[in-house]
Amino acid sequence: MLNLSIVDDNSFLINAIKEKLSFFDDINIKHTATNGSELLQNLEASHNLDLILMDIEMPVLNGIETTQVVKQKYPHIKIVMLTAFDNDENIFNAIQAGADGYLLKEIDPKALHDGILETMNGGAAMNPSIAMKTLKLLRNPTHIQNLSDQEQIELSKRETEV
């Protein structure tokens, strides 16, 4: 039996994910949270979890910040980002924060269950489109969509001549 937590600021989506996972007898939803801060409080009370399905865009403490904290305090817990956003910056930041997988919310129940099992067995669950974006980021790490993350280097006229 795998103990899971679902973290999403939309309670309708939490219920939708619960419903998707209700088809599988080996999954137990131990608790849910509507933001990262609430999850951390739940973990203080009981960190006997195997995996967290984590949204990214949330108030109070977003999924990427929460992933960093959880991985520092509870490194045994696997985290799969379950989000509607597949932009390069979110993928890059989630992986850097320690996410073990990255799936999109529109995933069907069997693929979600397979992704959870794959992650628990040491793999990295990813939608094919996310895997392709991850490969592109690895091949070209200087290409980050968020220009504020890129270092600005300006050379003087003399430096350019040299």
C-alpha atoms as a PDB file:
ATOM      1  CA  MET A   1       0.000   0.000   0.000  1.00  0.00           C
ATOM      2  CA  LEU A   2       1.389   3.381  -1.037  1.00  0.00           C
ATOM      3  CA  ASN A   3       0.590   6.409   1.129  1.00  0.00           C
ATOM      4  CA  LEU A   4       0.096   9.588  -0.889  1.00  0.00           C
ATOM      5  CA  SER A   5      -0.648  13.237  -0.327  1.00  0.00           C
ATOM      6  CA  ILE A   6      -2.240  15.533  -2.901  1.00  0.00           C
ATOM      7  CA  VAL A   7      -1.371  19.230  -2.819  1.00  0.00           C
ATOM      8  CA  ASP A   8      -3.401  21.599  -5.003  1.00  0.00           C
ATOM      9  CA  ASP A   9      -5.075  24.937  -4.329  1.00  0.00           C
ATOM     10  CA  ASN A  10      -8.169  23.801  -6.252  1.00  0.00           C
ATOM     11  CA  SER A  11     -10.319  21.431  -4.183  1.00  0.00           C
ATOM     12  CA  PHE A  12     -12.212  20.338  -7.317  1.00  0.00           C
ATOM     13  CA  LEU A  13      -8.927  19.113  -8.818  1.00  0.00           C
ATOM     14  CA  ILE A  14      -7.972  17.358  -5.567  1.00  0.00           C
ATOM     15  CA  ASN A  15     -11.257  15.450  -5.779  1.00  0.00           C
ATOM     16  CA  ALA A  16     -10.684  14.687  -9.471  1.00  0.00           C
ATOM     17  CA  ILE A  17      -7.240  13.232  -8.683  1.00  0.00           C
ATOM     18  CA  LYS A  18      -8.688  11.230  -5.774  1.00  0.00           C
ATOM     19  CA  GLU A  19     -11.330   9.852  -8.137  1.00  0.00           C
ATOM     20  CA  LYS A  20      -8.679   8.889 -10.718  1.00  0.00           C
ATOM     21  CA  LEU A  21      -6.741   7.002  -8.056  1.00  0.00           C
ATOM     22  CA  SER A  22      -9.817   5.365  -6.493  1.00  0.00           C
ATOM     23  CA  PHE A  23      -9.615   2.605  -9.146  1.00  0.00           C
ATOM     24  CA  PHE A  24      -6.390   1.268  -7.620  1.00  0.00           C
ATOM     25  CA  ASP A  25      -6.326  -0.786  -4.410  1.00  0.00           C
ATOM     26  CA  ASP A  26      -2.620  -0.144  -3.737  1.00  0.00           C
ATOM     27  CA  ILE A  27      -3.071   3.638  -3.283  1.00  0.00           C
ATOM     28  CA  ASN A  28      -4.077   5.288  -0.009  1.00  0.00           C
ATOM     29  CA  ILE A  29      -4.603   9.068   0.076  1.00  0.00           C
ATOM     30  CA  LYS A  30      -3.313   9.883   3.536  1.00  0.00           C
ATOM     31  CA  HIS A  31      -4.039  13.623   3.386  1.00  0.00           C
ATOM     32  CA  THR A  32      -4.538  16.595   1.105  1.00  0.00           C
ATOM     33  CA  ALA A  33      -3.469  20.228   1.307  1.00  0.00           C
ATOM     34  CA  THR A  34      -4.377  23.421  -0.536  1.00  0.00           C
ATOM     35  CA  ASN A  35      -0.888  24.979  -0.370  1.00  0.00           C
ATOM     36  CA  GLY A  36       2.681  24.109   0.560  1.00  0.00           C
ATOM     37  CA  SER A  37       2.447  25.525   4.061  1.00  0.00           C
ATOM     38  CA  GLU A  38      -0.545  23.315   4.868  1.00  0.00           C
ATOM     39  CA  LEU A  39       1.348  20.274   3.515  1.00  0.00           C
ATOM     40  CA  LEU A  40       4.336  21.032   5.762  1.00  0.00           C
ATOM     41  CA  GLN A  41       1.984  21.180   8.781  1.00  0.00           C
ATOM     42  CA  ASN A  42       0.522  17.805   7.764  1.00  0.00           C
ATOM     43  CA  LEU A  43       4.029  16.362   7.462  1.00  0.00           C
ATOM     44  CA  GLU A  44       4.983  17.631  10.921  1.00  0.00           C
ATOM     45  CA  ALA A  45       2.065  15.617  12.306  1.00  0.00           C
ATOM     46  CA  SER A  46       2.857  12.533  10.205  1.00  0.00           C
ATOM     47  CA  HIS A  47       5.562  12.141   7.564  1.00  0.00           C
ATOM     48  CA  ASN A  48       4.820   8.464   6.918  1.00  0.00           C
ATOM     49  CA  LEU A  49       4.288   9.151   3.203  1.00  0.00           C
ATOM     50  CA  ASP A  50       5.667   7.507   0.094  1.00  0.00           C
ATOM     51  CA  LEU A  51       4.818  10.134  -2.519  1.00  0.00           C
ATOM     52  CA  ILE A  52       3.341  13.619  -2.925  1.00  0.00           C
ATOM     53  CA  LEU A  53       1.442  14.783  -6.006  1.00  0.00           C
ATOM     54  CA  MET A  54       2.306  18.491  -6.030  1.00  0.00           C
ATOM     55  CA  ASP A  55       0.779  21.392  -7.939  1.00  0.00           C
ATOM     56  CA  ILE A  56       3.114  24.280  -8.831  1.00  0.00           C
ATOM     57  CA  GLU A  57       0.976  27.426  -8.833  1.00  0.00           C
ATOM     58  CA  MET A  58      -0.401  27.814  -5.293  1.00  0.00           C
ATOM     59  CA  PRO A  59      -0.798  30.679  -2.822  1.00  0.00           C
ATOM     60  CA  VAL A  60       1.216  30.994   0.414  1.00  0.00           C
ATOM     61  CA  LEU A  61       3.975  28.524  -0.577  1.00  0.00           C
ATOM     62  CA  ASN A  62       4.146  27.315  -4.171  1.00  0.00           C
ATOM     63  CA  GLY A  63       4.974  23.779  -5.264  1.00  0.00           C
ATOM     64  CA  ILE A  64       8.600  24.432  -6.217  1.00  0.00           C
ATOM     65  CA  GLU A  65       9.437  26.112  -2.889  1.00  0.00           C
ATOM     66  CA  THR A  66       7.578  23.366  -1.019  1.00  0.00           C
ATOM     67  CA  THR A  67       9.464  20.661  -2.933  1.00  0.00           C
ATOM     68  CA  GLN A  68      12.784  22.163  -1.809  1.00  0.00           C
ATOM     69  CA  VAL A  69      11.719  22.156   1.845  1.00  0.00           C
ATOM     70  CA  VAL A  70      10.234  18.641   1.732  1.00  0.00           C
ATOM     71  CA  LYS A  71      13.344  17.210   0.037  1.00  0.00           C
ATOM     72  CA  GLN A  72      15.586  18.769   2.711  1.00  0.00           C
ATOM     73  CA  LYS A  73      13.491  17.615   5.684  1.00  0.00           C
ATOM     74  CA  TYR A  74      12.068  14.335   4.332  1.00  0.00           C
ATOM     75  CA  PRO A  75      14.372  13.067   1.557  1.00  0.00           C
ATOM     76  CA  HIS A  76      12.665   9.639   1.541  1.00  0.00           C
ATOM     77  CA  ILE A  77       9.401  11.122   0.188  1.00  0.00           C
ATOM     78  CA  LYS A  78       9.086  11.108  -3.604  1.00  0.00           C
ATOM     79  CA  ILE A  79       7.500  14.147  -5.250  1.00  0.00           C
ATOM     80  CA  VAL A  80       5.765  14.182  -8.616  1.00  0.00           C
ATOM     81  CA  MET A  81       4.756  17.588  -9.912  1.00  0.00           C
ATOM     82  CA  LEU A  82       1.181  17.337 -11.193  1.00  0.00           C
ATOM     83  CA  THR A  83       0.436  20.569 -12.969  1.00  0.00           C
ATOM     84  CA  ALA A  84      -1.290  22.197 -15.912  1.00  0.00           C
ATOM     85  CA  PHE A  85       1.867  24.163 -16.789  1.00  0.00           C
ATOM     86  CA  ASP A  86       4.577  22.675 -18.988  1.00  0.00           C
ATOM     87  CA  ASN A  87       6.712  25.747 -19.614  1.00  0.00           C
ATOM     88  CA  ASP A  88      10.496  25.381 -19.570  1.00  0.00           C
ATOM     89  CA  GLU A  89      10.998  27.527 -16.485  1.00  0.00           C
ATOM     90  CA  ASN A  90       8.631  25.441 -14.331  1.00  0.00           C
ATOM     91  CA  ILE A  91      10.155  22.155 -15.519  1.00  0.00           C
ATOM     92  CA  PHE A  92      13.708  23.404 -14.909  1.00  0.00           C
ATOM     93  CA  ASN A  93      12.899  24.848 -11.466  1.00  0.00           C
ATOM     94  CA  ALA A  94      10.943  21.774 -10.360  1.00  0.00           C
ATOM     95  CA  ILE A  95      13.772  19.420 -11.297  1.00  0.00           C
ATOM     96  CA  GLN A  96      16.326  21.675  -9.600  1.00  0.00           C
ATOM     97  CA  ALA A  97      14.147  21.715  -6.456  1.00  0.00           C
ATOM     98  CA  GLY A  98      14.273  17.917  -6.337  1.00  0.00           C
ATOM     99  CA  ALA A  99      11.086  16.757  -8.079  1.00  0.00           C
ATOM    100  CA  ASP A 100      11.170  13.043  -8.941  1.00  0.00           C
ATOM    101  CA  GLY A 101       8.679  13.344 -11.800  1.00  0.00           C
ATOM    102  CA  TYR A 102       6.563  15.818 -13.736  1.00  0.00           C
ATOM    103  CA  LEU A 103       3.098  14.969 -15.074  1.00  0.00           C
ATOM    104  CA  LEU A 104       0.300  17.054 -16.534  1.00  0.00           C
ATOM    105  CA  LYS A 105      -3.111  17.129 -14.819  1.00  0.00           C
ATOM    106  CA  GLU A 106      -5.007  15.929 -17.885  1.00  0.00           C
ATOM    107  CA  ILE A 107      -3.369  12.500 -17.464  1.00  0.00           C
ATOM    108  CA  ASP A 108      -5.658   9.469 -17.498  1.00  0.00           C
ATOM    109  CA  PRO A 109      -6.009   7.283 -14.349  1.00  0.00           C
ATOM    110  CA  LYS A 110      -3.891   4.339 -15.607  1.00  0.00           C
ATOM    111  CA  ALA A 111      -1.040   6.597 -16.766  1.00  0.00           C
ATOM    112  CA  LEU A 112      -1.106   8.426 -13.407  1.00  0.00           C
ATOM    113  CA  HIS A 113      -0.974   5.126 -11.510  1.00  0.00           C
ATOM    114  CA  ASP A 114       1.823   3.856 -13.791  1.00  0.00           C
ATOM    115  CA  GLY A 115       3.727   7.111 -13.218  1.00  0.00           C
ATOM    116  CA  ILE A 116       3.412   6.743  -9.439  1.00  0.00           C
ATOM    117  CA  LEU A 117       4.680   3.143  -9.579  1.00  0.00           C
ATOM    118  CA  GLU A 118       7.505   4.113 -11.950  1.00  0.00           C
ATOM    119  CA  THR A 119       8.613   6.873  -9.569  1.00  0.00           C
ATOM    120  CA  MET A 120       8.432   4.565  -6.543  1.00  0.00           C
ATOM    121  CA  ASN A 121      10.620   2.057  -8.434  1.00  0.00           C
ATOM    122  CA  GLY A 122      13.362   4.646  -8.992  1.00  0.00           C
ATOM    123  CA  GLY A 123      12.223   6.041 -12.336  1.00  0.00           C
ATOM    124  CA  ALA A 124      11.159   9.545 -13.255  1.00  0.00           C
ATOM    125  CA  ALA A 125       7.550   9.784 -14.406  1.00  0.00           C
ATOM    126  CA  MET A 126       7.118  12.312 -17.203  1.00  0.00           C
ATOM    127  CA  ASN A 127       4.621  12.963 -19.951  1.00  0.00           C
ATOM    128  CA  PRO A 128       6.332  12.553 -23.354  1.00  0.00           C
ATOM    129  CA  SER A 129       6.041  16.301 -24.028  1.00  0.00           C
ATOM    130  CA  ILE A 130       7.713  17.072 -20.672  1.00  0.00           C
ATOM    131  CA  ALA A 131      10.483  14.555 -21.360  1.00  0.00           C
ATOM    132  CA  MET A 132      11.186  16.250 -24.712  1.00  0.00           C
ATOM    133  CA  LYS A 133      11.323  19.705 -23.112  1.00  0.00           C
ATOM    134  CA  THR A 134      13.645  18.335 -20.411  1.00  0.00           C
ATOM    135  CA  LEU A 135      15.980  16.903 -23.044  1.00  0.00           C
ATOM    136  CA  LYS A 136      16.010  20.256 -24.855  1.00  0.00           C
ATOM    137  CA  LEU A 137      16.849  22.039 -21.584  1.00  0.00           C
ATOM    138  CA  LEU A 138      19.717  19.609 -20.971  1.00  0.00           C
ATOM    139  CA  ARG A 139      21.037  20.034 -24.504  1.00  0.00           C
ATOM    140  CA  ASN A 140      20.825  23.813 -24.387  1.00  0.00           C
ATOM    141  CA  PRO A 141      20.917  24.918 -20.724  1.00  0.00           C
ATOM    142  CA  THR A 142      21.482  28.584 -21.580  1.00  0.00           C
ATOM    143  CA  HIS A 143      18.084  28.759 -23.284  1.00  0.00           C
ATOM    144  CA  ILE A 144      15.742  29.549 -20.410  1.00  0.00           C
ATOM    145  CA  GLN A 145      12.484  31.285 -21.240  1.00  0.00           C
ATOM    146  CA  ASN A 146      12.644  33.516 -18.176  1.00  0.00           C
ATOM    147  CA  LEU A 147      15.116  36.164 -19.295  1.00  0.00           C
ATOM    148  CA  SER A 148      15.563  37.442 -15.727  1.00  0.00           C
ATOM    149  CA  ASP A 149      17.323  34.130 -14.957  1.00  0.00           C
ATOM    150  CA  GLN A 150      19.934  34.749 -17.626  1.00  0.00           C
ATOM    151  CA  GLU A 151      23.053  36.649 -16.668  1.00  0.00           C
ATOM    152  CA  GLN A 152      23.487  39.905 -18.562  1.00  0.00           C
ATOM    153  CA  ILE A 153      27.070  40.477 -19.699  1.00  0.00           C
ATOM    154  CA  GLU A 154      27.878  43.639 -21.551  1.00  0.00           C
ATOM    155  CA  LEU A 155      31.317  44.322 -22.961  1.00  0.00           C
ATOM    156  CA  SER A 156      32.764  47.755 -23.426  1.00  0.00           C
ATOM    157  CA  LYS A 157      33.735  48.893 -26.928  1.00  0.00           C
ATOM    158  CA  ARG A 158      37.396  48.263 -26.117  1.00  0.00           C
ATOM    159  CA  GLU A 159      36.694  44.773 -24.717  1.00  0.00           C
ATOM    160  CA  THR A 160      34.856  43.911 -27.911  1.00  0.00           C
ATOM    161  CA  GLU A 161      37.821  45.116 -30.022  1.00  0.00           C
ATOM    162  CA  VAL A 162      40.254  42.949 -28.032  1.00  0.00           C
END
